[in-house]
């Protein structure tokens, strides 16, 4: 016996199996265990008000529909705010401080829209859907054919159990809330893409004239004009158009109009058009890779290959800068050049193909003059 008077050995003179104190050292048990454990059972099932009162069920239906309608209104407010609120406007939020008004309103309406759907679905499940307690005995992991058929019947009968046919108001409001909720998800993605390029990547400064003549090819970054005699075999010049720094957005213009100028042995030029658009083997090509727009920055003097260091696209300068390796799909556009009266290289016209990577409006064909 221990200090509390209970037996120290389970099964010996005690039917309540009191806890055994571990302060008494080793304890040997008799191995006596009860034949069965008492089934604790389940608490009595409490019926919901809506199960017995049709008016209460109808009231729950209206509440669920109200939550779905709240979600739809929040979604509409999200769309209105996206277009109506200036992205630079600032508002002060208590305990937060100054923040962008557009960000706060979009976040709040999106959260309210999702909250309406979530609360509506939970309230629907707890007050309207069938409230039954089912005890299912364990079975083998692999179900038999009858179980599979029963599961299929349960799935097909889900709409009936959810009372969608009996309560069309829930069906239409849920569909409207879920359908509209896709708008605030898709709208920022589509709006963030920005405007279509249109002619932004087709027209460059090389298309414009200065005093009736083509723009001269200028060294980058020195900004000095290039004479044809300056370009010897093996030379490589990074070129920008004349007057690029005087434009409203010089960085944008430089990005589109950057050119690599090289002099090749005319005997090695395979393309007749390439030879005609150059001057005594001097050819000029866009510096912007047609894969993802990285600057083509490596030139192999022996093979006359241009390499893009980003993804290793390789272009053959002796064959109209066609792609010979890598993920790029189009050759680099060539700039048609000539020599003016003072011996400087000038652009006769702009690129006949869009510069940089392909885009939706670029069909890859050469532009008309």
Protein backbone atom coordinates (compact mmCIF):
# COMPACT_ATOMS: atom_id res chain seq x y z
CA UNK A 1 0.00 0.00 0.00
CA UNK A 2 1.22 3.53 -0.72
CA UNK A 3 0.69 6.60 1.44
CA UNK A 4 -2.72 7.30 -0.08
CA UNK A 5 -3.93 3.86 0.84
CA UNK A 6 -4.23 2.65 -2.77
CA UNK A 7 -2.67 -0.56 -3.88
CA UNK A 8 0.78 -0.13 -5.37
CA UNK A 9 0.23 -3.01 -7.76
CA UNK A 10 -2.44 -2.71 -10.42
CA UNK A 11 -4.93 -5.50 -10.19
CA UNK A 12 -4.29 -6.25 -6.54
CA UNK A 13 -7.24 -5.34 -4.35
CA UNK A 14 -8.18 -2.36 -6.48
CA UNK A 15 -10.73 -2.12 -9.23
CA UNK A 16 -10.19 1.54 -10.12
CA UNK A 17 -6.58 1.10 -11.33
CA UNK A 18 -5.24 4.09 -9.44
CA UNK A 19 -2.03 5.75 -10.65
CA UNK A 20 1.18 4.16 -9.41
CA UNK A 21 3.71 6.29 -7.53
CA UNK A 22 7.22 6.09 -8.97
CA UNK A 23 8.81 7.14 -5.68
CA UNK A 24 8.76 3.59 -4.29
CA UNK A 25 11.40 2.14 -6.59
CA UNK A 26 10.80 -0.90 -8.75
CA UNK A 27 7.23 -2.15 -9.05
CA UNK A 28 6.23 -5.52 -10.40
CA UNK A 29 2.84 -5.77 -12.01
CA UNK A 30 0.61 -8.80 -12.23
CA UNK A 31 -0.25 -8.25 -15.91
CA UNK A 32 -3.91 -7.82 -15.08
CA UNK A 33 -5.69 -5.63 -17.65
CA UNK A 34 -9.41 -5.01 -18.07
CA UNK A 35 -11.12 -7.19 -20.65
CA UNK A 36 -12.82 -4.16 -22.26
CA UNK A 37 -12.48 -0.44 -22.00
CA UNK A 38 -15.69 1.39 -21.43
CA UNK A 39 -17.04 3.14 -24.51
CA UNK A 40 -17.15 6.85 -23.65
CA UNK A 41 -19.86 7.38 -26.26
CA UNK A 42 -20.78 10.63 -27.97
CA UNK A 43 -22.51 13.65 -26.53
CA UNK A 44 -26.18 13.94 -27.47
CA UNK A 45 -26.73 15.48 -30.87
CA UNK A 46 -28.07 19.03 -30.68
CA UNK A 47 -30.24 20.01 -33.59
CA UNK A 48 -29.75 23.43 -35.11
CA UNK A 49 -32.53 25.97 -35.20
CA UNK A 50 -32.65 25.83 -38.97
CA UNK A 51 -33.16 22.07 -38.95
CA UNK A 52 -36.55 22.43 -37.26
CA UNK A 53 -37.63 25.96 -38.19
CA UNK A 54 -37.96 26.71 -41.96
CA UNK A 55 -38.05 30.45 -41.26
CA UNK A 56 -34.68 30.20 -39.49
CA UNK A 57 -33.22 28.32 -42.46
CA UNK A 58 -34.57 31.00 -44.79
CA UNK A 59 -33.02 33.68 -42.59
CA UNK A 60 -29.66 31.89 -42.76
CA UNK A 61 -29.99 31.74 -46.53
CA UNK A 62 -30.46 35.49 -46.70
CA UNK A 63 -27.47 36.03 -44.42
CA UNK A 64 -25.24 33.88 -46.61
CA UNK A 65 -26.46 35.67 -49.74
CA UNK A 66 -25.76 39.02 -48.05
CA UNK A 67 -22.15 37.98 -47.42
CA UNK A 68 -21.74 36.95 -51.06
CA UNK A 69 -23.24 40.24 -52.22
CA UNK A 70 -20.83 42.08 -49.91
CA UNK A 71 -18.00 40.24 -51.65
CA UNK A 72 -19.29 41.29 -55.07
CA UNK A 73 -19.59 44.94 -54.01
CA UNK A 74 -16.05 44.89 -52.63
CA UNK A 75 -14.80 43.48 -55.93
CA UNK A 76 -16.54 46.25 -57.86
CA UNK A 77 -15.00 48.84 -55.53
CA UNK A 78 -11.58 47.25 -56.16
CA UNK A 79 -11.97 47.78 -59.91
CA UNK A 80 -13.23 51.35 -59.48
CA UNK A 81 -10.37 52.22 -57.13
CA UNK A 82 -7.81 50.72 -59.49
CA UNK A 83 -8.71 53.26 -62.16
CA UNK A 84 -9.98 56.19 -60.05
CA UNK A 85 -7.29 56.67 -57.38
CA UNK A 86 -4.06 58.36 -58.35
CA UNK A 87 -1.13 56.06 -57.72
CA UNK A 88 0.84 58.91 -56.11
CA UNK A 89 -1.85 60.00 -53.63
CA UNK A 90 -1.07 59.43 -49.95
CA UNK A 91 -3.39 58.93 -46.98
CA UNK A 92 -2.76 58.60 -43.23
CA UNK A 93 -3.92 55.39 -41.54
CA UNK A 94 -4.25 55.33 -37.72
CA UNK A 95 -1.47 53.33 -36.04
CA UNK A 96 0.18 52.90 -39.44
CA UNK A 97 0.99 56.39 -40.68
CA UNK A 98 1.22 57.75 -44.22
CA UNK A 99 0.75 55.16 -46.96
CA UNK A 100 -0.20 55.04 -50.61
CA UNK A 101 -3.96 55.43 -50.88
CA UNK A 102 -4.20 53.12 -53.88
CA UNK A 103 -2.34 50.32 -52.13
CA UNK A 104 -4.47 50.57 -49.00
CA UNK A 105 -7.82 50.68 -50.82
CA UNK A 106 -6.91 47.80 -53.13
CA UNK A 107 -5.76 45.68 -50.20
CA UNK A 108 -8.82 46.51 -48.10
CA UNK A 109 -11.38 45.81 -50.84
CA UNK A 110 -9.61 42.62 -51.89
CA UNK A 111 -9.59 41.39 -48.28
CA UNK A 112 -13.27 42.32 -47.88
CA UNK A 113 -14.14 40.44 -51.07
CA UNK A 114 -12.34 37.30 -49.95
CA UNK A 115 -13.77 37.63 -46.41
CA UNK A 116 -17.32 37.73 -47.78
CA UNK A 117 -16.79 34.52 -49.73
CA UNK A 118 -15.13 32.77 -46.77
CA UNK A 119 -17.69 33.79 -44.15
CA UNK A 120 -20.54 33.00 -46.51
CA UNK A 121 -19.20 29.53 -47.20
CA UNK A 122 -18.67 28.79 -43.49
CA UNK A 123 -22.11 30.12 -42.50
CA UNK A 124 -23.68 28.09 -45.30
CA UNK A 125 -22.00 24.89 -44.12
CA UNK A 126 -22.90 25.40 -40.47
CA UNK A 127 -26.53 26.48 -40.81
CA UNK A 128 -27.96 25.12 -44.06
CA UNK A 129 -26.08 22.04 -45.21
CA UNK A 130 -27.15 18.68 -43.69
CA UNK A 131 -26.08 18.21 -40.06
CA UNK A 132 -25.59 14.49 -39.58
CA UNK A 133 -23.22 12.47 -37.42
CA UNK A 134 -21.98 9.35 -39.17
CA UNK A 135 -19.84 6.57 -37.69
CA UNK A 136 -17.90 4.59 -40.27
CA UNK A 137 -16.04 1.44 -39.39
CA UNK A 138 -12.47 1.13 -40.63
CA UNK A 139 -11.99 -0.86 -43.76
CA UNK A 140 -9.17 -2.05 -45.94
CA UNK A 141 -7.12 0.59 -47.67
CA UNK A 142 -8.31 -0.54 -51.07
CA UNK A 143 -12.00 0.07 -51.49
CA UNK A 144 -14.18 -2.44 -53.26
CA UNK A 145 -16.25 -1.65 -56.33
CA UNK A 146 -19.34 -0.92 -54.27
CA UNK A 147 -17.43 1.68 -52.24
CA UNK A 148 -16.18 3.35 -55.40
CA UNK A 149 -19.70 3.50 -56.75
CA UNK A 150 -20.96 4.88 -53.45
CA UNK A 151 -18.27 7.58 -53.51
CA UNK A 152 -19.27 8.54 -57.03
CA UNK A 153 -22.88 8.79 -55.94
CA UNK A 154 -21.84 11.03 -53.05
CA UNK A 155 -19.98 13.34 -55.40
CA UNK A 156 -22.82 13.55 -57.88
CA UNK A 157 -25.25 14.11 -55.05
CA UNK A 158 -23.21 16.95 -53.58
CA UNK A 159 -25.27 19.62 -55.25
CA UNK A 160 -28.42 18.07 -53.86
CA UNK A 161 -26.95 17.89 -50.33
CA UNK A 162 -25.85 21.53 -50.57
CA UNK A 163 -29.43 22.41 -51.52
CA UNK A 164 -28.33 24.37 -54.56
CA UNK A 165 -31.45 23.33 -56.44
CA UNK A 166 -33.75 24.22 -53.58
CA UNK A 167 -32.03 27.53 -52.88
CA UNK A 168 -31.15 29.21 -56.20
CA UNK A 169 -30.41 32.51 -54.43
CA UNK A 170 -27.33 30.91 -52.86
CA UNK A 171 -26.25 29.42 -56.17
CA UNK A 172 -26.39 32.71 -58.06
CA UNK A 173 -24.83 34.85 -55.33
CA UNK A 174 -22.01 32.34 -54.77
CA UNK A 175 -21.37 32.18 -58.51
CA UNK A 176 -21.34 35.95 -58.75
CA UNK A 177 -18.97 36.35 -55.80
CA UNK A 178 -16.53 33.71 -57.07
CA UNK A 179 -16.74 34.97 -60.64
CA UNK A 180 -16.11 38.59 -59.76
CA UNK A 181 -13.34 37.68 -57.32
CA UNK A 182 -11.22 36.67 -60.32
CA UNK A 183 -11.25 40.31 -61.50
CA UNK A 184 -9.07 41.83 -58.73
CA UNK A 185 -6.64 38.95 -59.18
CA UNK A 186 -6.31 39.34 -62.95
CA UNK A 187 -6.62 43.14 -63.22
CA UNK A 188 -3.27 44.07 -61.58
CA UNK A 189 -1.51 41.39 -63.62
CA UNK A 190 -2.90 42.68 -66.91
CA UNK A 191 -2.59 46.34 -65.92
CA UNK A 192 1.00 45.82 -64.82
CA UNK A 193 2.00 44.68 -68.28
CA UNK A 194 1.86 48.29 -69.44
CA UNK A 195 0.96 49.51 -72.92
CA UNK A 196 1.70 47.54 -76.06
CA UNK A 197 5.06 48.44 -77.67
CA UNK A 198 3.40 49.37 -81.00
CA UNK A 199 6.10 51.31 -82.89
CA UNK A 200 8.35 51.95 -79.87
CA UNK A 201 10.71 49.12 -80.83
CA UNK A 202 10.28 49.61 -84.57
CA UNK A 203 11.16 53.30 -84.88
CA UNK A 204 14.48 54.58 -83.53
CA UNK A 205 16.51 57.77 -83.90
CA UNK A 206 18.15 56.27 -86.96
CA UNK A 207 14.85 56.85 -88.82
CA UNK A 208 15.08 60.63 -88.39
CA UNK A 209 17.25 63.12 -90.29
CA UNK A 210 19.35 66.14 -89.33
CA UNK A 211 19.32 69.00 -91.85
CA UNK A 212 18.11 66.61 -94.52
CA UNK A 213 20.89 64.06 -94.04
CA UNK A 214 21.12 60.85 -92.09
CA UNK A 215 22.43 60.91 -88.54
CA UNK A 216 26.13 60.32 -88.16
CA UNK A 217 27.45 57.30 -86.29
CA UNK A 218 29.00 58.56 -83.03
CA UNK A 219 31.44 56.75 -80.75
CA UNK A 220 29.98 55.70 -77.40
CA UNK A 221 30.67 57.23 -74.91
CA UNK A 222 33.03 59.79 -76.49
CA UNK A 223 30.32 61.23 -78.73
CA UNK A 224 32.68 61.83 -81.68
CA UNK A 225 31.84 61.15 -85.31
CA UNK A 226 33.43 58.18 -87.09
CA UNK A 227 35.10 58.39 -90.48
CA UNK A 228 35.15 55.34 -92.72
CA UNK A 229 38.95 55.48 -92.66
CA UNK A 230 38.88 55.08 -88.84
CA UNK A 231 37.36 51.61 -89.07
CA UNK A 232 40.14 49.15 -89.87
CA UNK A 233 40.01 45.36 -90.01
CA UNK A 234 39.60 43.96 -86.50
CA UNK A 235 38.20 47.22 -85.10
CA UNK A 236 34.97 47.26 -83.10
CA UNK A 237 33.07 50.46 -82.32
CA UNK A 238 30.18 50.93 -79.93
CA UNK A 239 27.95 53.43 -81.70
CA UNK A 240 25.03 55.76 -80.88
CA UNK A 241 23.16 58.14 -83.19
CA UNK A 242 24.12 61.78 -83.48
CA UNK A 243 22.18 64.02 -81.07
CA UNK A 244 20.93 61.23 -78.79
CA UNK A 245 21.81 63.16 -75.63
CA UNK A 246 19.61 66.08 -76.72
CA UNK A 247 16.40 64.02 -76.69
CA UNK A 248 13.75 64.06 -73.96
CA UNK A 249 14.50 60.48 -72.91
CA UNK A 250 18.11 59.79 -73.91
CA UNK A 251 18.39 56.49 -72.02
CA UNK A 252 15.38 55.06 -73.86
CA UNK A 253 16.76 56.19 -77.20
CA UNK A 254 20.20 54.77 -76.43
CA UNK A 255 18.67 51.42 -75.49
CA UNK A 256 16.93 51.10 -78.84
CA UNK A 257 19.56 52.65 -81.09
CA UNK A 258 22.79 51.08 -79.76
CA UNK A 259 24.88 49.68 -82.60
CA UNK A 260 28.05 47.64 -83.06
CA UNK A 261 30.24 48.72 -86.00
CA UNK A 262 32.79 46.29 -87.46
CA UNK A 263 34.89 46.09 -90.61
CA UNK A 264 35.03 42.68 -92.30
CA UNK A 265 36.93 41.29 -95.24
CA UNK A 266 34.41 41.70 -98.06
CA UNK A 267 35.39 38.30 -99.43
CA UNK A 268 34.06 36.68 -96.24
CA UNK A 269 30.64 38.36 -96.35
CA UNK A 270 28.08 35.77 -97.47
CA UNK A 271 25.00 37.99 -97.74
CA UNK A 272 24.67 40.26 -100.75
CA UNK A 273 22.22 42.53 -98.92
CA UNK A 274 24.66 42.81 -96.03
CA UNK A 275 27.43 43.86 -98.42
CA UNK A 276 25.20 46.48 -100.10
CA UNK A 277 24.07 47.97 -96.79
CA UNK A 278 27.67 48.42 -95.67
CA UNK A 279 30.62 50.45 -96.90
CA UNK A 280 33.74 48.60 -98.10
CA UNK A 281 33.09 45.78 -95.62
CA UNK A 282 32.05 48.11 -92.78
CA UNK A 283 28.75 46.85 -91.34
CA UNK A 284 26.58 48.07 -88.48
CA UNK A 285 24.18 45.88 -86.47
CA UNK A 286 21.89 46.43 -83.51
CA UNK A 287 23.60 45.77 -80.21
CA UNK A 288 20.39 44.49 -78.54
CA UNK A 289 20.05 40.69 -78.42
CA UNK A 290 16.84 39.36 -79.94
CA UNK A 291 16.36 36.90 -77.08
CA UNK A 292 15.58 39.01 -73.99
CA UNK A 293 17.23 42.33 -74.87
CA UNK A 294 20.66 42.03 -73.25
CA UNK A 295 23.49 44.01 -74.88
CA UNK A 296 25.62 41.89 -77.19
CA UNK A 297 29.02 42.55 -75.73
CA UNK A 298 31.54 40.00 -77.06
CA UNK A 299 33.14 39.89 -80.52
CA UNK A 300 35.40 37.09 -81.74
CA UNK A 301 37.77 38.66 -84.26
CA UNK A 302 38.85 35.35 -85.83
CA UNK A 303 35.39 33.80 -86.33
CA UNK A 304 33.53 37.12 -86.60
CA UNK A 305 30.91 35.92 -84.11
CA UNK A 306 28.95 38.20 -81.81
CA UNK A 307 28.08 36.67 -78.44
CA UNK A 308 25.47 37.71 -75.90
CA UNK A 309 26.89 37.08 -72.40
CA UNK A 310 23.45 36.61 -70.79
CA UNK A 311 22.34 33.36 -72.43
CA UNK A 312 25.14 32.68 -74.93
CA UNK A 313 23.22 33.46 -78.11
CA UNK A 314 25.74 33.65 -80.95
CA UNK A 315 25.38 35.58 -84.21
CA UNK A 316 27.46 35.20 -87.39
CA UNK A 317 28.48 38.66 -88.66
CA UNK A 318 29.60 37.26 -92.00
CA UNK A 319 26.08 35.92 -92.69
CA UNK A 320 23.78 38.82 -91.87
CA UNK A 321 24.12 38.18 -88.11
CA UNK A 322 22.03 35.01 -88.22
CA UNK A 323 21.70 32.97 -85.04
CA UNK A 324 24.06 29.99 -84.98
CA UNK A 325 23.72 29.08 -81.30
CA UNK A 326 21.59 29.85 -78.28
CA UNK A 327 17.96 30.72 -77.54
CA UNK A 328 17.64 33.80 -79.78
CA UNK A 329 15.22 33.25 -82.68
CA UNK A 330 15.92 36.21 -84.98
CA UNK A 331 19.08 37.72 -86.48
CA UNK A 332 20.26 41.10 -85.29
CA UNK A 333 18.80 43.94 -87.42
CA UNK A 334 21.28 45.64 -89.75
CA UNK A 335 21.63 49.41 -90.08
CA UNK A 336 22.13 50.64 -93.64
CA UNK A 337 25.05 53.09 -93.73
CA UNK A 338 26.95 55.25 -96.21
CA UNK A 339 29.60 57.99 -96.23
CA UNK A 340 28.71 61.69 -96.39
CA UNK A 341 30.61 64.41 -98.23
CA UNK A 342 32.99 64.88 -95.28
CA UNK A 343 33.89 61.20 -95.06
CA UNK A 344 31.79 60.45 -91.97
CA UNK A 345 29.61 57.36 -91.66
CA UNK A 346 25.89 58.15 -91.63
CA UNK A 347 22.68 56.09 -91.45
CA UNK A 348 20.73 56.02 -94.69
CA UNK A 349 17.60 54.64 -92.99
CA UNK A 350 16.45 53.01 -89.76
CA UNK A 351 16.36 49.32 -88.98
CA UNK A 352 14.11 47.27 -91.22
CA UNK A 353 13.33 44.85 -88.39
CA UNK A 354 12.29 45.65 -84.78
CA UNK A 355 15.19 45.71 -82.34
CA UNK A 356 15.36 43.54 -79.26
CA UNK A 357 13.24 40.52 -78.32
CA UNK A 358 10.14 39.57 -80.26
CA UNK A 359 6.77 40.82 -79.03
CA UNK A 360 3.11 40.30 -79.88
CA UNK A 361 2.99 42.85 -82.69
CA UNK A 362 6.29 41.71 -84.19
CA UNK A 363 5.73 39.10 -86.89
CA UNK A 364 9.44 38.81 -87.66
CA UNK A 365 9.06 40.12 -91.21
CA UNK A 366 11.04 42.97 -92.63
CA UNK A 367 9.36 46.35 -92.39
CA UNK A 368 8.25 48.22 -95.48
CA UNK A 369 10.03 51.43 -96.38
